[in-house]
Amino acid sequence: MGFQRGFMNYGLMACVFVGTAGVGVLAYRLEGSPWRWPLVSLVLAGIGTIAGIFWIRKYVDRQTKASEQEVK
């Protein structure tokens, strides 16, 4: 797999993961702050976003394979 293909496939997920990790570190350091739990919810939303991206990719791949089989 070339760099460009890998970047296109995993660049968005890597960006979301890095942002989520940064917010997670901030939430970990803000002990006793009223902002801690909203930041934890942002971390969970980031993890959900990554899971959603994987699900959409699998769905699109299945649709593509199904349409290719219909053509044959």
C-alpha atoms as a PDB file:
ATOM      1  CA  MET A   1       0.000   0.000   0.000  1.00  0.00           C
ATOM      2  CA  GLY A   2       1.433   3.336  -1.018  1.00  0.00           C
ATOM      3  CA  PHE A   3       1.655   6.367   1.220  1.00  0.00           C
ATOM      4  CA  GLN A   4      -1.099   8.261  -0.558  1.00  0.00           C
ATOM      5  CA  ARG A   5      -3.533   5.349  -0.401  1.00  0.00           C
ATOM      6  CA  GLY A   6      -2.756   4.739   3.268  1.00  0.00           C
ATOM      7  CA  PHE A   7      -3.165   8.420   4.049  1.00  0.00           C
ATOM      8  CA  MET A   8      -6.507   8.572   2.267  1.00  0.00           C
ATOM      9  CA  ASN A   9      -7.737   5.452   4.058  1.00  0.00           C
ATOM     10  CA  TYR A  10      -6.485   6.210   7.557  1.00  0.00           C
ATOM     11  CA  GLY A  11      -5.644   9.947   7.666  1.00  0.00           C
ATOM     12  CA  LEU A  12      -9.063  11.034   8.930  1.00  0.00           C
ATOM     13  CA  MET A  13      -9.087   8.378  11.624  1.00  0.00           C
ATOM     14  CA  ALA A  14      -5.567   9.303  12.696  1.00  0.00           C
ATOM     15  CA  CYS A  15      -6.552  12.971  12.928  1.00  0.00           C
ATOM     16  CA  VAL A  16      -9.605  12.175  15.058  1.00  0.00           C
ATOM     17  CA  PHE A  17      -7.532   9.832  17.221  1.00  0.00           C
ATOM     18  CA  VAL A  18      -4.824  12.446  17.859  1.00  0.00           C
ATOM     19  CA  GLY A  19      -7.423  15.065  18.757  1.00  0.00           C
ATOM     20  CA  THR A  20      -9.232  12.622  21.019  1.00  0.00           C
ATOM     21  CA  ALA A  21      -5.984  11.640  22.720  1.00  0.00           C
ATOM     22  CA  GLY A  22      -5.135  15.290  23.354  1.00  0.00           C
ATOM     23  CA  VAL A  23      -8.529  15.961  24.903  1.00  0.00           C
ATOM     24  CA  GLY A  24      -8.173  12.753  26.931  1.00  0.00           C
ATOM     25  CA  VAL A  25      -4.862  13.891  28.386  1.00  0.00           C
ATOM     26  CA  LEU A  26      -6.393  17.258  29.223  1.00  0.00           C
ATOM     27  CA  ALA A  27      -9.364  15.565  30.915  1.00  0.00           C
ATOM     28  CA  TYR A  28      -6.992  13.349  32.892  1.00  0.00           C
ATOM     29  CA  ARG A  29      -5.024  16.362  34.140  1.00  0.00           C
ATOM     30  CA  LEU A  30      -8.071  18.440  35.155  1.00  0.00           C
ATOM     31  CA  GLU A  31      -8.804  16.603  38.374  1.00  0.00           C
ATOM     32  CA  GLY A  32     -11.603  18.257  40.330  1.00  0.00           C
ATOM     33  CA  SER A  33     -12.440  20.682  37.515  1.00  0.00           C
ATOM     34  CA  PRO A  34     -16.027  21.134  36.302  1.00  0.00           C
ATOM     35  CA  TRP A  35     -14.687  20.709  32.750  1.00  0.00           C
ATOM     36  CA  ARG A  36     -13.429  17.172  33.352  1.00  0.00           C
ATOM     37  CA  TRP A  37     -16.631  15.278  32.520  1.00  0.00           C
ATOM     38  CA  PRO A  38     -17.531  17.331  29.443  1.00  0.00           C
ATOM     39  CA  LEU A  39     -14.030  16.556  28.144  1.00  0.00           C
ATOM     40  CA  VAL A  40     -14.507  12.868  28.916  1.00  0.00           C
ATOM     41  CA  SER A  41     -17.731  12.985  26.892  1.00  0.00           C
ATOM     42  CA  LEU A  42     -15.769  14.526  23.995  1.00  0.00           C
ATOM     43  CA  VAL A  43     -13.297  11.637  24.211  1.00  0.00           C
ATOM     44  CA  LEU A  44     -16.163   9.151  24.040  1.00  0.00           C
ATOM     45  CA  ALA A  45     -17.632  11.039  21.078  1.00  0.00           C
ATOM     46  CA  GLY A  46     -14.244  10.849  19.335  1.00  0.00           C
ATOM     47  CA  ILE A  47     -14.065   7.107  19.892  1.00  0.00           C
ATOM     48  CA  GLY A  48     -17.621   6.813  18.556  1.00  0.00           C
ATOM     49  CA  THR A  49     -16.616   8.838  15.509  1.00  0.00           C
ATOM     50  CA  ILE A  50     -13.727   6.486  14.776  1.00  0.00           C
ATOM     51  CA  ALA A  51     -16.037   3.482  15.163  1.00  0.00           C
ATOM     52  CA  GLY A  52     -18.562   5.159  12.858  1.00  0.00           C
ATOM     53  CA  ILE A  53     -15.904   5.771  10.209  1.00  0.00           C
ATOM     54  CA  PHE A  54     -14.897   2.092  10.312  1.00  0.00           C
ATOM     55  CA  TRP A  55     -18.549   1.042  10.034  1.00  0.00           C
ATOM     56  CA  ILE A  56     -19.166   3.355   7.060  1.00  0.00           C
ATOM     57  CA  ARG A  57     -16.034   2.058   5.310  1.00  0.00           C
ATOM     58  CA  LYS A  58     -17.160  -1.552   5.750  1.00  0.00           C
ATOM     59  CA  TYR A  59     -20.656  -0.680   4.514  1.00  0.00           C
ATOM     60  CA  VAL A  60     -19.337   1.091   1.413  1.00  0.00           C
ATOM     61  CA  ASP A  61     -16.958  -1.793   0.677  1.00  0.00           C
ATOM     62  CA  ARG A  62     -19.833  -4.284   0.914  1.00  0.00           C
ATOM     63  CA  GLN A  63     -21.994  -2.162  -1.398  1.00  0.00           C
ATOM     64  CA  THR A  64     -19.158  -1.868  -3.895  1.00  0.00           C
ATOM     65  CA  LYS A  65     -18.553  -5.627  -3.898  1.00  0.00           C
ATOM     66  CA  ALA A  66     -22.284  -6.295  -4.317  1.00  0.00           C
ATOM     67  CA  SER A  67     -22.554  -3.923  -7.273  1.00  0.00           C
ATOM     68  CA  GLU A  68     -19.444  -5.452  -8.888  1.00  0.00           C
ATOM     69  CA  GLN A  69     -20.965  -8.945  -8.575  1.00  0.00           C
ATOM     70  CA  GLU A  70     -24.199  -7.761 -10.193  1.00  0.00           C
ATOM     71  CA  VAL A  71     -22.269  -6.447 -13.197  1.00  0.00           C
ATOM     72  CA  LYS A  72     -20.498  -9.774 -13.769  1.00  0.00           C
END
